[in-house]
Amino acid sequence: MSSKFTVTNKKAQLHVPSLEEAAKVLEDGLKRNFANVSVSVVDCPDLTQKPFNLASPGICGSERLADIGGPPYLAPVPKKDKVYDLDKVAEAVGLPGAFVIGAGAGPWEVVGVNSELICDVKLDVNGNQDPIKKSYVAKLGDQLSDYKLEKLPNSTQFCLMANLLCSEGKSGKVLEVKASKRTGQENFMSSLRKTLDEHYDDKVVGLGGVFLIESGKATLHIMPDFSDRPLKDGGEVDNWLQYFDMDAPLVCLGELVSRDVNLDLRLEHFHCFSDHGQGGHYHYDTTPDTVSYRGYFTIPDAIYRLDQPEQTNTVMPTTD
């Protein structure tokens, strides 16, 4: 049964600097971790075209973030009844017909096992037409060393948790972020987030959108099927997750916020897919000298916390 978010639907306003101001802040900050950096305000490219192939052409129009559920619904013991639908998410954030992209856990009853969801769906505002469903799931086989990336064409459901950007899916002005040859310790999204946090201090800023790992390799994880024993701490979660080095090009969808707003938010969460059968949860690149990123981001004005667990996010992988 899909949750309707009638009890724990919370909203927090986010600080929205101008795109021009944010571009300068991010460019200065990224230079601490990358040798080559360029951040500018551009017209969003048509994201329905290669290499992105998304369900809507842009990420603009009434942009807002949604943080649903969380790791406490996965560990220590999975709560398999936590099943959600994107239509209900769109209603809860006040944007029926939204274009929804981001990272979450796949619908285990549909997929057959626990999985990583790479969410990419354009809903119909009136509910009269079928959604454009271009999501993927990354899952493991019987051998944990075997993984598979497959399309999820027949469902708009997900389980346990998700971090999503919701918008009208329109073209518009966005931040184009280019960074290559990593020289520091921070991964791409952490470098973005920590730059915003340091500059804006107690003003919480969010980013949502898509980035492409154009060259190099990256470490991604894929969740196995549900554990048959409780996962009691971050170390046990690490040992349960399966990590892989995967090859560019990888298209990564998700969102981040510079810091929490007393809603137990997941601060950064991106999942990746490709046309060469690789995908999962992005952690960091492993080829600093050759890695190259190109991203398109919008700055949402609010974040909605839906079905927040009573327990805090204490059971997280230590490498997240």
C-alpha atoms as a PDB file:
ATOM      1  CA  MET A   1       0.000   0.000   0.000  1.00  0.00           C
ATOM      2  CA  SER A   2       1.395   3.396  -0.959  1.00  0.00           C
ATOM      3  CA  SER A   3       1.903   5.965   1.768  1.00  0.00           C
ATOM      4  CA  LYS A   4      -0.159   9.155   1.481  1.00  0.00           C
ATOM      5  CA  PHE A   5       2.084  11.283   3.725  1.00  0.00           C
ATOM      6  CA  THR A   6      -0.878  12.540   5.729  1.00  0.00           C
ATOM      7  CA  VAL A   7       0.940  12.588   9.079  1.00  0.00           C
ATOM      8  CA  THR A   8       4.604  13.460   8.641  1.00  0.00           C
ATOM      9  CA  ASN A   9       4.683  15.872   5.732  1.00  0.00           C
ATOM     10  CA  LYS A  10       7.057  18.669   6.766  1.00  0.00           C
ATOM     11  CA  LYS A  11       8.395  21.541   4.724  1.00  0.00           C
ATOM     12  CA  ALA A  12      11.412  23.802   5.130  1.00  0.00           C
ATOM     13  CA  GLN A  13      12.223  26.832   3.016  1.00  0.00           C
ATOM     14  CA  LEU A  14      15.680  26.948   1.471  1.00  0.00           C
ATOM     15  CA  HIS A  15      17.845  29.951   0.718  1.00  0.00           C
ATOM     16  CA  VAL A  16      17.895  30.728  -3.007  1.00  0.00           C
ATOM     17  CA  PRO A  17      20.858  32.821  -4.116  1.00  0.00           C
ATOM     18  CA  SER A  18      20.899  34.043  -7.690  1.00  0.00           C
ATOM     19  CA  LEU A  19      22.355  31.608 -10.188  1.00  0.00           C
ATOM     20  CA  GLU A  20      25.090  34.115 -10.958  1.00  0.00           C
ATOM     21  CA  GLU A  21      26.074  34.377  -7.291  1.00  0.00           C
ATOM     22  CA  ALA A  22      26.002  30.612  -6.799  1.00  0.00           C
ATOM     23  CA  ALA A  23      28.124  30.090  -9.916  1.00  0.00           C
ATOM     24  CA  LYS A  24      30.882  32.305  -8.508  1.00  0.00           C
ATOM     25  CA  VAL A  25      30.716  30.614  -5.090  1.00  0.00           C
ATOM     26  CA  LEU A  26      30.857  27.105  -6.550  1.00  0.00           C
ATOM     27  CA  GLU A  27      33.625  27.896  -9.004  1.00  0.00           C
ATOM     28  CA  ASP A  28      35.826  29.293  -6.239  1.00  0.00           C
ATOM     29  CA  GLY A  29      35.104  26.339  -3.952  1.00  0.00           C
ATOM     30  CA  LEU A  30      35.567  23.581  -6.519  1.00  0.00           C
ATOM     31  CA  LYS A  31      39.055  24.857  -7.301  1.00  0.00           C
ATOM     32  CA  ARG A  32      40.149  23.457  -3.943  1.00  0.00           C
ATOM     33  CA  ASN A  33      39.493  19.936  -5.241  1.00  0.00           C
ATOM     34  CA  PHE A  34      39.818  20.107  -9.030  1.00  0.00           C
ATOM     35  CA  ALA A  35      42.507  21.507 -11.303  1.00  0.00           C
ATOM     36  CA  ASN A  36      40.100  22.570 -14.034  1.00  0.00           C
ATOM     37  CA  VAL A  37      36.809  24.218 -13.048  1.00  0.00           C
ATOM     38  CA  SER A  38      34.165  26.235 -14.861  1.00  0.00           C
ATOM     39  CA  VAL A  39      30.739  27.176 -13.469  1.00  0.00           C
ATOM     40  CA  SER A  40      28.366  29.306 -15.505  1.00  0.00           C
ATOM     41  CA  VAL A  41      24.693  30.119 -16.011  1.00  0.00           C
ATOM     42  CA  VAL A  42      23.375  28.564 -19.227  1.00  0.00           C
ATOM     43  CA  ASP A  43      20.169  27.484 -20.886  1.00  0.00           C
ATOM     44  CA  CYS A  44      19.494  23.915 -19.841  1.00  0.00           C
ATOM     45  CA  PRO A  45      20.350  21.562 -22.695  1.00  0.00           C
ATOM     46  CA  ASP A  46      17.608  19.252 -23.937  1.00  0.00           C
ATOM     47  CA  LEU A  47      17.942  16.456 -21.412  1.00  0.00           C
ATOM     48  CA  THR A  48      15.808  14.095 -23.511  1.00  0.00           C
ATOM     49  CA  GLN A  49      18.761  13.880 -25.903  1.00  0.00           C
ATOM     50  CA  LYS A  50      22.012  11.946 -25.575  1.00  0.00           C
ATOM     51  CA  PRO A  51      23.946  11.490 -23.394  1.00  0.00           C
ATOM     52  CA  PHE A  52      21.218  12.060 -20.781  1.00  0.00           C
ATOM     53  CA  ASN A  53      18.092  10.566 -22.402  1.00  0.00           C
ATOM     54  CA  LEU A  54      15.812  11.742 -19.588  1.00  0.00           C
ATOM     55  CA  ALA A  55      12.010  11.858 -19.510  1.00  0.00           C
ATOM     56  CA  SER A  56      11.675  15.655 -19.764  1.00  0.00           C
ATOM     57  CA  PRO A  57      13.748  18.322 -21.508  1.00  0.00           C
ATOM     58  CA  GLY A  58      14.604  20.439 -18.468  1.00  0.00           C
ATOM     59  CA  ILE A  59      14.751  20.633 -14.664  1.00  0.00           C
ATOM     60  CA  CYS A  60      13.169  24.061 -14.243  1.00  0.00           C
ATOM     61  CA  GLY A  61       9.778  25.278 -13.025  1.00  0.00           C
ATOM     62  CA  SER A  62       8.650  25.261  -9.374  1.00  0.00           C
ATOM     63  CA  GLU A  63      11.681  23.286  -8.277  1.00  0.00           C
ATOM     64  CA  ARG A  64      11.572  21.633  -4.885  1.00  0.00           C
ATOM     65  CA  LEU A  65      13.242  18.686  -3.141  1.00  0.00           C
ATOM     66  CA  ALA A  66      11.686  15.665  -1.458  1.00  0.00           C
ATOM     67  CA  ASP A  67      13.423  13.515   1.162  1.00  0.00           C
ATOM     68  CA  ILE A  68      11.280  10.424   1.748  1.00  0.00           C
ATOM     69  CA  GLY A  69      11.760   7.745   4.398  1.00  0.00           C
ATOM     70  CA  GLY A  70      15.385   6.956   5.123  1.00  0.00           C
ATOM     71  CA  PRO A  71      18.013   4.355   6.034  1.00  0.00           C
ATOM     72  CA  PRO A  72      16.269   3.527   9.347  1.00  0.00           C
ATOM     73  CA  TYR A  73      13.623   1.800   7.206  1.00  0.00           C
ATOM     74  CA  LEU A  74      16.361  -0.412   5.760  1.00  0.00           C
ATOM     75  CA  ALA A  75      18.457  -1.123   8.829  1.00  0.00           C
ATOM     76  CA  PRO A  76      18.801  -2.674  11.257  1.00  0.00           C
ATOM     77  CA  VAL A  77      15.737  -4.560   9.950  1.00  0.00           C
ATOM     78  CA  PRO A  78      14.063  -3.714   6.615  1.00  0.00           C
ATOM     79  CA  LYS A  79      10.520  -2.370   6.810  1.00  0.00           C
ATOM     80  CA  LYS A  80       9.192  -3.904   3.621  1.00  0.00           C
ATOM     81  CA  ASP A  81       5.796  -2.235   4.012  1.00  0.00           C
ATOM     82  CA  LYS A  82       7.385   1.161   3.280  1.00  0.00           C
ATOM     83  CA  VAL A  83       6.216   1.396  -0.324  1.00  0.00           C
ATOM     84  CA  TYR A  84       5.657   4.766  -1.982  1.00  0.00           C
ATOM     85  CA  ASP A  85       4.394   6.073  -5.311  1.00  0.00           C
ATOM     86  CA  LEU A  86       5.685   9.083  -7.214  1.00  0.00           C
ATOM     87  CA  ASP A  87       2.146  10.383  -7.764  1.00  0.00           C
ATOM     88  CA  LYS A  88       1.736  10.701  -3.992  1.00  0.00           C
ATOM     89  CA  VAL A  89       5.124  12.383  -3.688  1.00  0.00           C
ATOM     90  CA  ALA A  90       4.144  14.928  -6.344  1.00  0.00           C
ATOM     91  CA  GLU A  91       0.870  15.620  -4.536  1.00  0.00           C
ATOM     92  CA  ALA A  92       2.640  15.983  -1.198  1.00  0.00           C
ATOM     93  CA  VAL A  93       5.064  18.583  -2.550  1.00  0.00           C
ATOM     94  CA  GLY A  94       2.248  20.465  -4.288  1.00  0.00           C
ATOM     95  CA  LEU A  95       3.342  19.707  -7.819  1.00  0.00           C
ATOM     96  CA  PRO A  96       1.035  17.218  -9.576  1.00  0.00           C
ATOM     97  CA  GLY A  97       2.465  16.147 -12.914  1.00  0.00           C
ATOM     98  CA  ALA A  98       6.026  16.730 -11.748  1.00  0.00           C
ATOM     99  CA  PHE A  99       9.195  15.644 -13.489  1.00  0.00           C
ATOM    100  CA  VAL A 100      10.897  13.578 -10.786  1.00  0.00           C
ATOM    101  CA  ILE A 101      14.539  12.516 -10.796  1.00  0.00           C
ATOM    102  CA  GLY A 102      16.826  11.205  -8.108  1.00  0.00           C
ATOM    103  CA  ALA A 103      18.046   8.334  -5.988  1.00  0.00           C
ATOM    104  CA  GLY A 104      16.168   5.770  -3.941  1.00  0.00           C
ATOM    105  CA  ALA A 105      15.493   2.096  -3.294  1.00  0.00           C
ATOM    106  CA  GLY A 106      13.696   0.160  -6.010  1.00  0.00           C
ATOM    107  CA  PRO A 107      10.245  -1.416  -5.545  1.00  0.00           C
ATOM    108  CA  TRP A 108      11.253  -4.852  -4.294  1.00  0.00           C
ATOM    109  CA  GLU A 109       7.923  -6.501  -5.107  1.00  0.00           C
ATOM    110  CA  VAL A 110       8.194  -5.348  -8.729  1.00  0.00           C
ATOM    111  CA  VAL A 111      11.902  -6.013  -9.193  1.00  0.00           C
ATOM    112  CA  GLY A 112      11.903  -9.234  -7.176  1.00  0.00           C
ATOM    113  CA  VAL A 113      14.784  -8.159  -4.915  1.00  0.00           C
ATOM    114  CA  ASN A 114      16.041  -5.102  -3.105  1.00  0.00           C
ATOM    115  CA  SER A 115      17.730  -2.705  -5.558  1.00  0.00           C
ATOM    116  CA  GLU A 116      19.040   0.776  -6.282  1.00  0.00           C
ATOM    117  CA  LEU A 117      16.538   3.056  -8.048  1.00  0.00           C
ATOM    118  CA  ILE A 118      17.662   5.659 -10.550  1.00  0.00           C
ATOM    119  CA  CYS A 119      14.408   7.630 -10.749  1.00  0.00           C
ATOM    120  CA  ASP A 120      13.469   9.374 -14.004  1.00  0.00           C
ATOM    121  CA  VAL A 121       9.714   9.900 -14.480  1.00  0.00           C
ATOM    122  CA  LYS A 122       7.532  12.646 -15.956  1.00  0.00           C
ATOM    123  CA  LEU A 123       4.051  12.412 -14.472  1.00  0.00           C
ATOM    124  CA  ASP A 124       0.910  13.710 -16.174  1.00  0.00           C
ATOM    125  CA  VAL A 125      -0.535  16.768 -14.456  1.00  0.00           C
ATOM    126  CA  ASN A 126      -4.147  15.620 -14.904  1.00  0.00           C
ATOM    127  CA  GLY A 127      -3.512  11.919 -14.541  1.00  0.00           C
ATOM    128  CA  ASN A 128      -5.123  11.311 -17.916  1.00  0.00           C
ATOM    129  CA  GLN A 129      -2.019  10.012 -19.636  1.00  0.00           C
ATOM    130  CA  ASP A 130       0.513   7.404 -18.675  1.00  0.00           C
ATOM    131  CA  PRO A 131       3.667   8.812 -17.083  1.00  0.00           C
ATOM    132  CA  ILE A 132       6.841   8.830 -19.136  1.00  0.00           C
ATOM    133  CA  LYS A 133       8.783   6.197 -17.207  1.00  0.00           C
ATOM    134  CA  LYS A 134      12.510   5.981 -17.917  1.00  0.00           C
ATOM    135  CA  SER A 135      13.788   4.858 -14.517  1.00  0.00           C
ATOM    136  CA  TYR A 136      16.428   2.186 -14.018  1.00  0.00           C
ATOM    137  CA  VAL A 137      17.244  -0.210 -11.215  1.00  0.00           C
ATOM    138  CA  ALA A 138      20.639  -1.674 -10.405  1.00  0.00           C
ATOM    139  CA  LYS A 139      20.490  -5.045  -8.683  1.00  0.00           C
ATOM    140  CA  LEU A 140      22.654  -8.009  -7.783  1.00  0.00           C
ATOM    141  CA  GLY A 141      22.298 -11.604  -8.902  1.00  0.00           C
ATOM    142  CA  ASP A 142      22.711 -14.791  -6.906  1.00  0.00           C
ATOM    143  CA  GLN A 143      26.440 -14.196  -7.083  1.00  0.00           C
ATOM    144  CA  LEU A 144      27.092 -10.898  -5.338  1.00  0.00           C
ATOM    145  CA  SER A 145      29.840 -10.139  -7.824  1.00  0.00           C
ATOM    146  CA  ASP A 146      27.273 -10.068 -10.630  1.00  0.00           C
ATOM    147  CA  TYR A 147      25.240  -6.930 -11.156  1.00  0.00           C
ATOM    148  CA  LYS A 148      22.609  -5.894 -13.643  1.00  0.00           C
ATOM    149  CA  LEU A 149      21.204  -2.552 -14.721  1.00  0.00           C
ATOM    150  CA  GLU A 150      17.709  -2.755 -16.153  1.00  0.00           C
ATOM    151  CA  LYS A 151      14.904  -0.396 -17.083  1.00  0.00           C
ATOM    152  CA  LEU A 152      11.846  -0.107 -14.834  1.00  0.00           C
ATOM    153  CA  PRO A 153       9.135   0.716 -17.380  1.00  0.00           C
ATOM    154  CA  ASN A 154       6.036  -0.537 -15.571  1.00  0.00           C
ATOM    155  CA  SER A 155       6.166   1.096 -12.155  1.00  0.00           C
ATOM    156  CA  THR A 156       6.288   4.479 -10.458  1.00  0.00           C
ATOM    157  CA  GLN A 157       6.791   2.919  -7.038  1.00  0.00           C
ATOM    158  CA  PHE A 158       9.833   2.819  -4.774  1.00  0.00           C
ATOM    159  CA  CYS A 159      10.576   1.555  -1.287  1.00  0.00           C
ATOM    160  CA  LEU A 160      12.202   2.584   1.969  1.00  0.00           C
ATOM    161  CA  MET A 161      13.804   5.905   0.971  1.00  0.00           C
ATOM    162  CA  ALA A 162      14.447   8.406  -1.809  1.00  0.00           C
ATOM    163  CA  ASN A 163      15.957  11.831  -2.399  1.00  0.00           C
ATOM    164  CA  LEU A 164      14.267  13.518  -5.332  1.00  0.00           C
ATOM    165  CA  LEU A 165      14.184  16.714  -7.339  1.00  0.00           C
ATOM    166  CA  CYS A 166      10.656  17.622  -8.431  1.00  0.00           C
ATOM    167  CA  SER A 167      10.048  20.270 -11.089  1.00  0.00           C
ATOM    168  CA  GLU A 168       7.795  21.090 -13.999  1.00  0.00           C
ATOM    169  CA  GLY A 169      10.423  19.643 -16.316  1.00  0.00           C
ATOM    170  CA  LYS A 170      10.772  22.846 -18.300  1.00  0.00           C
ATOM    171  CA  SER A 171      13.762  24.345 -20.025  1.00  0.00           C
ATOM    172  CA  GLY A 172      15.309  27.377 -18.372  1.00  0.00           C
ATOM    173  CA  LYS A 173      18.459  28.836 -16.867  1.00  0.00           C
ATOM    174  CA  VAL A 174      20.576  26.417 -14.856  1.00  0.00           C
ATOM    175  CA  LEU A 175      24.066  26.100 -13.432  1.00  0.00           C
ATOM    176  CA  GLU A 176      26.499  24.301 -15.706  1.00  0.00           C
ATOM    177  CA  VAL A 177      29.333  22.870 -13.630  1.00  0.00           C
ATOM    178  CA  LYS A 178      32.453  21.471 -15.247  1.00  0.00           C
ATOM    179  CA  ALA A 179      35.311  19.994 -13.234  1.00  0.00           C
ATOM    180  CA  SER A 180      38.188  17.714 -14.149  1.00  0.00           C
ATOM    181  CA  LYS A 181      41.468  16.340 -12.785  1.00  0.00           C
ATOM    182  CA  ARG A 182      40.693  15.968  -9.093  1.00  0.00           C
ATOM    183  CA  THR A 183      43.457  17.264  -6.839  1.00  0.00           C
ATOM    184  CA  GLY A 184      41.686  17.130  -3.461  1.00  0.00           C
ATOM    185  CA  GLN A 185      40.016  14.495  -1.283  1.00  0.00           C
ATOM    186  CA  GLU A 186      36.372  15.464  -1.789  1.00  0.00           C
ATOM    187  CA  ASN A 187      34.177  13.761  -4.364  1.00  0.00           C
ATOM    188  CA  PHE A 188      32.258  15.904  -6.828  1.00  0.00           C
ATOM    189  CA  MET A 189      28.961  16.239  -4.953  1.00  0.00           C
ATOM    190  CA  SER A 190      30.617  16.621  -1.533  1.00  0.00           C
ATOM    191  CA  SER A 191      32.796  19.377  -2.922  1.00  0.00           C
ATOM    192  CA  LEU A 192      29.668  21.164  -4.156  1.00  0.00           C
ATOM    193  CA  ARG A 193      27.828  20.692  -0.871  1.00  0.00           C
ATOM    194  CA  LYS A 194      30.665  21.693   1.433  1.00  0.00           C
ATOM    195  CA  THR A 195      31.390  24.770  -0.663  1.00  0.00           C
ATOM    196  CA  LEU A 196      27.781  25.912  -0.239  1.00  0.00           C
ATOM    197  CA  ASP A 197      27.826  25.117   3.479  1.00  0.00           C
ATOM    198  CA  GLU A 198      31.020  27.066   4.125  1.00  0.00           C
ATOM    199  CA  HIS A 199      29.935  30.109   2.148  1.00  0.00           C
ATOM    200  CA  TYR A 200      26.301  30.399   3.213  1.00  0.00           C
ATOM    201  CA  ASP A 201      26.828  29.157   6.790  1.00  0.00           C
ATOM    202  CA  ASP A 202      23.399  28.874   8.455  1.00  0.00           C
ATOM    203  CA  LYS A 203      21.518  29.651   5.225  1.00  0.00           C
ATOM    204  CA  VAL A 204      20.665  26.216   3.856  1.00  0.00           C
ATOM    205  CA  VAL A 205      21.021  25.881   0.085  1.00  0.00           C
ATOM    206  CA  GLY A 206      19.978  22.926  -2.048  1.00  0.00           C
ATOM    207  CA  LEU A 207      20.982  21.701  -5.487  1.00  0.00           C
ATOM    208  CA  GLY A 208      19.181  19.199  -7.668  1.00  0.00           C
ATOM    209  CA  GLY A 209      19.833  17.900 -11.111  1.00  0.00           C
ATOM    210  CA  VAL A 210      22.044  15.691 -13.230  1.00  0.00           C
ATOM    211  CA  PHE A 211      25.764  15.279 -13.692  1.00  0.00           C
ATOM    212  CA  LEU A 212      27.715  13.252 -16.181  1.00  0.00           C
ATOM    213  CA  ILE A 213      30.978  11.493 -15.431  1.00  0.00           C
ATOM    214  CA  GLU A 214      32.423  11.965 -18.886  1.00  0.00           C
ATOM    215  CA  SER A 215      35.726  10.170 -18.405  1.00  0.00           C
ATOM    216  CA  GLY A 216      37.448   8.038 -15.807  1.00  0.00           C
ATOM    217  CA  LYS A 217      36.090   5.511 -13.334  1.00  0.00           C
ATOM    218  CA  ALA A 218      34.013   5.774 -10.166  1.00  0.00           C
ATOM    219  CA  THR A 219      33.157   3.582  -7.199  1.00  0.00           C
ATOM    220  CA  LEU A 220      29.444   2.785  -6.976  1.00  0.00           C
ATOM    221  CA  HIS A 221      27.623   0.494  -4.590  1.00  0.00           C
ATOM    222  CA  ILE A 222      24.615  -1.737  -5.152  1.00  0.00           C
ATOM    223  CA  MET A 223      22.492  -3.079  -2.303  1.00  0.00           C
ATOM    224  CA  PRO A 224      22.073  -6.850  -2.185  1.00  0.00           C
ATOM    225  CA  ASP A 225      18.713  -8.377  -1.420  1.00  0.00           C
ATOM    226  CA  PHE A 226      17.529  -7.743   2.132  1.00  0.00           C
ATOM    227  CA  SER A 227      19.863  -9.028   4.807  1.00  0.00           C
ATOM    228  CA  ASP A 228      18.703 -12.073   6.768  1.00  0.00           C
ATOM    229  CA  ARG A 229      20.247 -10.633   9.930  1.00  0.00           C
ATOM    230  CA  PRO A 230      20.048  -7.162  11.466  1.00  0.00           C
ATOM    231  CA  LEU A 231      22.579  -4.566  10.277  1.00  0.00           C
ATOM    232  CA  LYS A 232      23.456  -2.886  13.545  1.00  0.00           C
ATOM    233  CA  ASP A 233      25.954  -0.186  12.573  1.00  0.00           C
ATOM    234  CA  GLY A 234      27.642   1.556   9.666  1.00  0.00           C
ATOM    235  CA  GLY A 235      30.405  -1.025   9.498  1.00  0.00           C
ATOM    236  CA  GLU A 236      27.934  -3.866   9.066  1.00  0.00           C
ATOM    237  CA  VAL A 237      26.142  -1.883   6.369  1.00  0.00           C
ATOM    238  CA  ASP A 238      29.498  -1.377   4.602  1.00  0.00           C
ATOM    239  CA  ASN A 239      30.176  -5.107   4.658  1.00  0.00           C
ATOM    240  CA  TRP A 240      26.691  -5.862   3.330  1.00  0.00           C
ATOM    241  CA  LEU A 241      26.839  -3.378   0.449  1.00  0.00           C
ATOM    242  CA  GLN A 242      28.711  -4.427  -2.676  1.00  0.00           C
ATOM    243  CA  TYR A 243      31.136  -1.930  -4.200  1.00  0.00           C
ATOM    244  CA  PHE A 244      32.271  -1.825  -7.824  1.00  0.00           C
ATOM    245  CA  ASP A 245      34.521   0.322  -9.978  1.00  0.00           C
ATOM    246  CA  MET A 246      32.450   1.390 -12.973  1.00  0.00           C
ATOM    247  CA  ASP A 247      33.306   3.131 -16.216  1.00  0.00           C
ATOM    248  CA  ALA A 248      32.357   6.489 -17.705  1.00  0.00           C
ATOM    249  CA  PRO A 249      30.156   7.716 -19.178  1.00  0.00           C
ATOM    250  CA  LEU A 250      27.772   7.566 -16.211  1.00  0.00           C
ATOM    251  CA  VAL A 251      24.659   9.752 -15.865  1.00  0.00           C
ATOM    252  CA  CYS A 252      23.964  10.601 -12.208  1.00  0.00           C
ATOM    253  CA  LEU A 253      20.639  11.912 -10.853  1.00  0.00           C
ATOM    254  CA  GLY A 254      19.909  13.308  -7.412  1.00  0.00           C
ATOM    255  CA  GLU A 255      20.094  16.203  -4.992  1.00  0.00           C
ATOM    256  CA  LEU A 256      21.998  17.666  -2.082  1.00  0.00           C
ATOM    257  CA  VAL A 257      21.503  20.202   0.704  1.00  0.00           C
ATOM    258  CA  SER A 258      24.289  22.176   2.321  1.00  0.00           C
ATOM    259  CA  ARG A 259      23.256  21.123   5.850  1.00  0.00           C
ATOM    260  CA  ASP A 260      20.354  19.685   7.839  1.00  0.00           C
ATOM    261  CA  VAL A 261      17.345  21.756   8.912  1.00  0.00           C
ATOM    262  CA  ASN A 262      16.399  19.623  11.934  1.00  0.00           C
ATOM    263  CA  LEU A 263      14.596  17.136   9.687  1.00  0.00           C
ATOM    264  CA  ASP A 264      17.221  14.365   9.721  1.00  0.00           C
ATOM    265  CA  LEU A 265      17.972  14.947   6.037  1.00  0.00           C
ATOM    266  CA  ARG A 266      20.269  12.897   3.892  1.00  0.00           C
ATOM    267  CA  LEU A 267      22.669  15.587   2.759  1.00  0.00           C
ATOM    268  CA  GLU A 268      23.733  14.161  -0.605  1.00  0.00           C
ATOM    269  CA  HIS A 269      22.410  11.297  -2.709  1.00  0.00           C
ATOM    270  CA  PHE A 270      23.021  10.552  -6.394  1.00  0.00           C
ATOM    271  CA  HIS A 271      22.446   7.360  -8.389  1.00  0.00           C
ATOM    272  CA  CYS A 272      23.910   6.649 -11.809  1.00  0.00           C
ATOM    273  CA  PHE A 273      22.968   4.753 -14.968  1.00  0.00           C
ATOM    274  CA  SER A 274      24.594   4.178 -18.331  1.00  0.00           C
ATOM    275  CA  ASP A 275      23.996   2.624 -21.722  1.00  0.00           C
ATOM    276  CA  HIS A 276      26.722   0.039 -21.107  1.00  0.00           C
ATOM    277  CA  GLY A 277      25.018  -1.875 -18.302  1.00  0.00           C
ATOM    278  CA  GLN A 278      26.612  -0.210 -15.273  1.00  0.00           C
ATOM    279  CA  GLY A 279      24.977   1.856 -12.544  1.00  0.00           C
ATOM    280  CA  GLY A 280      24.285   2.264  -8.833  1.00  0.00           C
ATOM    281  CA  HIS A 281      24.945   4.644  -5.943  1.00  0.00           C
ATOM    282  CA  TYR A 282      27.740   7.138  -6.632  1.00  0.00           C
ATOM    283  CA  HIS A 283      30.485   7.446  -4.023  1.00  0.00           C
ATOM    284  CA  TYR A 284      33.634   8.912  -5.589  1.00  0.00           C
ATOM    285  CA  ASP A 285      35.857   8.722  -8.639  1.00  0.00           C
ATOM    286  CA  THR A 286      38.930   6.468  -8.547  1.00  0.00           C
ATOM    287  CA  THR A 287      40.897   8.050 -11.426  1.00  0.00           C
ATOM    288  CA  PRO A 288      41.656  11.592 -10.242  1.00  0.00           C
ATOM    289  CA  ASP A 289      44.027  12.407 -13.105  1.00  0.00           C
ATOM    290  CA  THR A 290      41.558  11.517 -15.854  1.00  0.00           C
ATOM    291  CA  VAL A 291      38.130  12.109 -14.326  1.00  0.00           C
ATOM    292  CA  SER A 292      35.882  14.723 -15.892  1.00  0.00           C
ATOM    293  CA  TYR A 293      32.452  15.892 -14.685  1.00  0.00           C
ATOM    294  CA  ARG A 294      29.766  17.997 -16.349  1.00  0.00           C
ATOM    295  CA  GLY A 295      26.576  18.806 -14.442  1.00  0.00           C
ATOM    296  CA  TYR A 296      23.377  20.829 -14.753  1.00  0.00           C
ATOM    297  CA  PHE A 297      21.741  21.972 -11.528  1.00  0.00           C
ATOM    298  CA  THR A 298      18.886  24.089 -10.284  1.00  0.00           C
ATOM    299  CA  ILE A 299      18.452  25.731  -6.866  1.00  0.00           C
ATOM    300  CA  PRO A 300      15.140  24.656  -5.255  1.00  0.00           C
ATOM    301  CA  ASP A 301      13.309  26.936  -2.863  1.00  0.00           C
ATOM    302  CA  ALA A 302      12.014  24.261  -0.463  1.00  0.00           C
ATOM    303  CA  ILE A 303      12.547  20.733   0.794  1.00  0.00           C
ATOM    304  CA  TYR A 304       9.726  18.436   1.882  1.00  0.00           C
ATOM    305  CA  ARG A 305      10.393  15.755   4.500  1.00  0.00           C
ATOM    306  CA  LEU A 306       7.963  12.906   3.937  1.00  0.00           C
ATOM    307  CA  ASP A 307       7.412   9.942   6.265  1.00  0.00           C
ATOM    308  CA  GLN A 308      10.418  10.829   8.411  1.00  0.00           C
ATOM    309  CA  PRO A 309      11.535   7.858  10.553  1.00  0.00           C
ATOM    310  CA  GLU A 310      11.306   8.267  14.285  1.00  0.00           C
ATOM    311  CA  GLN A 311      14.817   6.876  14.582  1.00  0.00           C
ATOM    312  CA  THR A 312      17.649   9.060  13.394  1.00  0.00           C
ATOM    313  CA  ASN A 313      19.991   8.216  10.499  1.00  0.00           C
ATOM    314  CA  THR A 314      22.564   6.436  12.644  1.00  0.00           C
ATOM    315  CA  VAL A 315      22.867   3.315  10.507  1.00  0.00           C
ATOM    316  CA  MET A 316      24.630   4.608   7.422  1.00  0.00           C
ATOM    317  CA  PRO A 317      27.544   3.266   5.394  1.00  0.00           C
ATOM    318  CA  THR A 318      30.733   4.858   6.670  1.00  0.00           C
ATOM    319  CA  THR A 319      31.757   5.697   3.096  1.00  0.00           C
ATOM    320  CA  ASP A 320      28.525   7.540   2.189  1.00  0.00           C
END
